[in-house]
């Protein structure tokens, strides 16, 4: 390489370095800001996760303390709640404790409140409706029980249909019960457990699982 070529190459490299330094001088703060944002964001996420863990632990401690008290779920109902999901969990536990202690009226009232709470997730409301129908007094007229189960929608609708079949079978309406049960056995998307129990009940009622043509 000649001296001229070497000189040109050195000048070119110097010019490129000057351009790079100029760019860094002009836009370097952007890179610095990006680093600050990334580090700050990571720190905030860790802080938020720690806060959520602390809140969840505190809520769990309150639930355990409420379950330890023999007050029919009163302590559970008085827990200070941080979000609708916690309200739903505490409400279901309070209802379960009340029903377990024999206070059906109080348990049903708690479930009714959950059913009508538009702030909680639909799955919690559907579960409350299903559990309320299950908890109805044994001596309640079958028509009212069936109406309660028919009102169940969403995730627990198929389980409610299964219960309607049980009510009909108990009343001696075998044809009505078997019709519902066969639908549950043959319909797509029905959980295997529901299909199995429905088939077993059909056989127990003295009918064929598949209707003979």
Protein backbone atom coordinates (compact mmCIF):
# COMPACT_ATOMS: atom_id res chain seq x y z
CA UNK A 1 0.00 0.00 0.00
CA UNK A 2 1.37 3.44 -0.98
CA UNK A 3 1.80 6.30 1.47
CA UNK A 4 -1.01 8.13 -0.30
CA UNK A 5 -3.41 5.17 0.14
CA UNK A 6 -2.41 4.84 3.79
CA UNK A 7 -2.97 8.53 4.39
CA UNK A 8 -6.39 8.42 2.72
CA UNK A 9 -7.38 5.40 4.82
CA UNK A 10 -6.32 7.12 8.05
CA UNK A 11 -8.22 10.27 7.11
CA UNK A 12 -11.32 8.20 6.27
CA UNK A 13 -11.16 6.40 9.65
CA UNK A 14 -10.74 9.72 11.45
CA UNK A 15 -13.73 11.18 9.65
CA UNK A 16 -15.82 8.13 10.56
CA UNK A 17 -14.78 8.41 14.22
CA UNK A 18 -15.66 12.10 14.22
CA UNK A 19 -19.08 11.30 12.77
CA UNK A 20 -19.63 8.56 15.37
CA UNK A 21 -18.64 10.89 18.21
CA UNK A 22 -20.94 13.56 16.83
CA UNK A 23 -23.84 11.10 16.70
CA UNK A 24 -23.13 9.91 20.24
CA UNK A 25 -22.88 13.48 21.47
CA UNK A 26 -26.20 14.36 19.85
CA UNK A 27 -28.17 11.18 20.60
CA UNK A 28 -26.29 9.55 23.45
CA UNK A 29 -28.90 10.76 25.94
CA UNK A 30 -31.45 8.55 24.18
CA UNK A 31 -29.43 5.44 24.96
CA UNK A 32 -28.96 6.64 28.52
CA UNK A 33 -32.69 7.23 28.90
CA UNK A 34 -33.42 3.78 27.48
CA UNK A 35 -31.14 2.20 30.08
CA UNK A 36 -32.81 4.17 32.86
CA UNK A 37 -36.27 3.13 31.62
CA UNK A 38 -35.31 -0.55 31.38
CA UNK A 39 -33.71 -0.61 34.82
CA UNK A 40 -36.52 1.45 36.32
CA UNK A 41 -39.17 -0.75 34.71
CA UNK A 42 -37.55 -3.91 36.01
CA UNK A 43 -37.33 -2.43 39.51
CA UNK A 44 -41.00 -1.38 39.39
CA UNK A 45 -42.09 -4.84 38.25
CA UNK A 46 -40.20 -6.47 41.10
CA UNK A 47 -41.75 -4.02 43.57
CA UNK A 48 -45.23 -4.66 42.18
CA UNK A 49 -44.76 -8.43 42.38
CA UNK A 50 -43.58 -8.12 45.97
CA UNK A 51 -46.64 -6.01 46.80
CA UNK A 52 -48.95 -8.56 45.20
CA UNK A 53 -47.28 -11.40 47.12
CA UNK A 54 -47.64 -9.50 50.38
CA UNK A 55 -51.32 -8.75 49.68
CA UNK A 56 -52.04 -12.36 48.72
CA UNK A 57 -50.30 -13.64 51.84
CA UNK A 58 -52.21 -11.20 54.04
CA UNK A 59 -55.49 -12.25 52.41
CA UNK A 60 -54.64 -15.92 52.91
CA UNK A 61 -53.85 -15.30 56.56
CA UNK A 62 -57.21 -13.57 56.99
CA UNK A 63 -59.02 -16.49 55.37
CA UNK A 64 -57.29 -19.02 57.61
CA UNK A 65 -58.05 -16.95 60.69
CA UNK A 66 -61.69 -16.65 59.63
CA UNK A 67 -61.98 -20.39 59.02
CA UNK A 68 -60.58 -21.09 62.48
CA UNK A 69 -63.38 -19.14 64.15
CA UNK A 70 -66.60 -20.93 65.03
CA UNK A 71 -68.88 -18.04 64.04
CA UNK A 72 -70.72 -19.38 61.02
CA UNK A 73 -68.54 -17.48 58.56
CA UNK A 74 -69.07 -14.04 60.12
CA UNK A 75 -65.33 -13.32 60.28
CA UNK A 76 -64.92 -14.26 56.63
CA UNK A 77 -67.69 -11.89 55.62
CA UNK A 78 -65.96 -9.03 57.44
CA UNK A 79 -62.56 -9.39 55.75
CA UNK A 80 -61.30 -6.19 54.14
CA UNK A 81 -61.02 -7.11 50.48
CA UNK A 82 -58.54 -5.79 47.96
CA UNK A 83 -60.27 -6.78 44.71
CA UNK A 84 -63.43 -8.48 43.38
CA UNK A 85 -61.72 -11.87 43.06
CA UNK A 86 -60.87 -11.85 46.76
CA UNK A 87 -64.46 -10.83 47.53
CA UNK A 88 -65.72 -13.82 45.55
CA UNK A 89 -63.38 -16.28 47.27
CA UNK A 90 -64.23 -14.96 50.74
CA UNK A 91 -67.92 -14.96 49.90
CA UNK A 92 -67.91 -18.57 48.72
CA UNK A 93 -66.00 -19.66 51.81
CA UNK A 94 -68.37 -17.75 54.09
CA UNK A 95 -71.35 -19.40 52.38
CA UNK A 96 -69.76 -22.84 52.68
CA UNK A 97 -69.09 -22.34 56.40
CA UNK A 98 -72.65 -21.13 57.01
CA UNK A 99 -74.18 -24.01 55.09
CA UNK A 100 -71.85 -26.48 56.80
CA UNK A 101 -72.95 -25.23 60.21
CA UNK A 102 -76.60 -25.70 59.28
CA UNK A 103 -77.44 -22.03 58.74
CA UNK A 104 -79.01 -22.49 55.32
CA UNK A 105 -80.67 -19.09 55.28
CA UNK A 106 -77.40 -17.26 55.89
CA UNK A 107 -75.50 -19.40 53.38
CA UNK A 108 -78.11 -18.84 50.67
CA UNK A 109 -78.10 -15.11 51.37
CA UNK A 110 -74.34 -15.03 50.90
CA UNK A 111 -74.60 -16.94 47.61
CA UNK A 112 -77.42 -14.69 46.43
CA UNK A 113 -75.23 -11.65 47.07
CA UNK A 114 -72.47 -13.21 44.98
CA UNK A 115 -74.87 -14.07 42.16
CA UNK A 116 -75.88 -10.42 41.90
CA UNK A 117 -72.41 -8.91 42.30
CA UNK A 118 -71.56 -7.60 38.85
CA UNK A 119 -68.02 -6.72 39.90
CA UNK A 120 -66.89 -10.34 40.30
CA UNK A 121 -66.03 -12.69 37.45
CA UNK A 122 -68.90 -14.53 35.76
CA UNK A 123 -67.51 -17.92 36.79
CA UNK A 124 -67.87 -16.97 40.47
CA UNK A 125 -71.45 -15.81 39.88
CA UNK A 126 -72.29 -19.01 37.98
CA UNK A 127 -70.80 -21.11 40.77
CA UNK A 128 -72.82 -19.19 43.35
CA UNK A 129 -76.02 -19.84 41.39
CA UNK A 130 -75.25 -23.55 41.13
CA UNK A 131 -74.32 -23.91 44.80
CA UNK A 132 -77.44 -21.99 45.82
CA UNK A 133 -79.62 -24.38 43.84
CA UNK A 134 -77.87 -27.35 45.44
CA UNK A 135 -78.38 -25.90 48.91
CA UNK A 136 -82.15 -25.46 48.60
CA UNK A 137 -84.10 -27.25 51.35
CA UNK A 138 -85.00 -30.87 50.67
CA UNK A 139 -88.70 -30.21 51.18
CA UNK A 140 -88.81 -27.39 48.62
CA UNK A 141 -91.18 -28.12 45.70
CA UNK A 142 -89.46 -29.74 42.75
CA UNK A 143 -90.68 -27.03 40.40
CA UNK A 144 -88.76 -24.42 42.37
CA UNK A 145 -85.62 -26.57 42.47
CA UNK A 146 -85.77 -27.14 38.72
CA UNK A 147 -86.28 -23.42 38.12
CA UNK A 148 -83.21 -22.65 40.24
CA UNK A 149 -81.07 -25.09 38.26
CA UNK A 150 -82.45 -23.84 34.94
CA UNK A 151 -81.28 -20.36 35.91
CA UNK A 152 -77.67 -21.57 36.10
CA UNK A 153 -75.68 -20.53 33.04
CA UNK A 154 -72.11 -20.58 31.82
CA UNK A 155 -69.56 -23.04 33.18
CA UNK A 156 -71.94 -24.93 35.44
CA UNK A 157 -74.93 -25.24 33.11
CA UNK A 158 -74.28 -28.90 32.26
CA UNK A 159 -73.91 -29.81 35.93
CA UNK A 160 -77.20 -28.05 36.57
CA UNK A 161 -78.85 -30.10 33.81
CA UNK A 162 -77.59 -33.26 35.48
CA UNK A 163 -79.17 -32.15 38.74
CA UNK A 164 -82.48 -31.45 37.01
CA UNK A 165 -82.46 -35.04 35.80
CA UNK A 166 -81.97 -36.21 39.40
CA UNK A 167 -84.91 -34.11 40.57
CA UNK A 168 -87.15 -35.50 37.82
CA UNK A 169 -86.07 -39.07 38.58
CA UNK A 170 -86.82 -38.55 42.28
CA UNK A 171 -90.31 -37.36 41.34
CA UNK A 172 -90.88 -40.46 39.23
CA UNK A 173 -90.59 -38.67 35.88
CA UNK A 174 -88.21 -41.26 34.44
CA UNK A 175 -88.89 -40.30 30.83
CA UNK A 176 -88.04 -36.65 31.48
CA UNK A 177 -84.90 -37.57 33.40
CA UNK A 178 -83.68 -40.02 30.76
CA UNK A 179 -84.25 -37.51 27.96
CA UNK A 180 -81.94 -35.01 29.66
CA UNK A 181 -79.39 -37.67 30.57
CA UNK A 182 -79.20 -39.02 27.01
CA UNK A 183 -78.60 -35.50 25.75
CA UNK A 184 -75.71 -35.15 28.19
CA UNK A 185 -74.26 -38.50 27.12
CA UNK A 186 -74.40 -37.74 23.41
CA UNK A 187 -73.76 -33.99 23.22
CA UNK A 188 -70.36 -32.69 22.19
CA UNK A 189 -68.30 -30.82 24.73
CA UNK A 190 -69.81 -32.50 27.80
CA UNK A 191 -67.14 -33.39 30.40
CA UNK A 192 -66.39 -37.15 30.54
CA UNK A 193 -67.37 -37.30 34.21
CA UNK A 194 -70.83 -35.91 33.48
CA UNK A 195 -71.27 -38.31 30.56
CA UNK A 196 -70.23 -41.28 32.68
CA UNK A 197 -72.55 -40.41 35.57
CA UNK A 198 -75.43 -39.73 33.18
CA UNK A 199 -74.98 -43.12 31.50
CA UNK A 200 -74.83 -44.86 34.88
CA UNK A 201 -78.04 -43.17 36.04
CA UNK A 202 -79.83 -44.12 32.80
CA UNK A 203 -78.92 -47.77 33.41
CA UNK A 204 -79.95 -47.46 37.07
CA UNK A 205 -83.34 -46.19 35.90
CA UNK A 206 -83.74 -49.31 33.78
CA UNK A 207 -83.31 -47.70 30.38
CA UNK A 208 -80.82 -48.05 27.55
CA UNK A 209 -78.17 -45.39 27.22
CA UNK A 210 -78.93 -45.07 23.50
CA UNK A 211 -82.60 -44.91 22.61
CA UNK A 212 -83.67 -47.83 20.48
CA UNK A 213 -85.11 -46.84 17.09
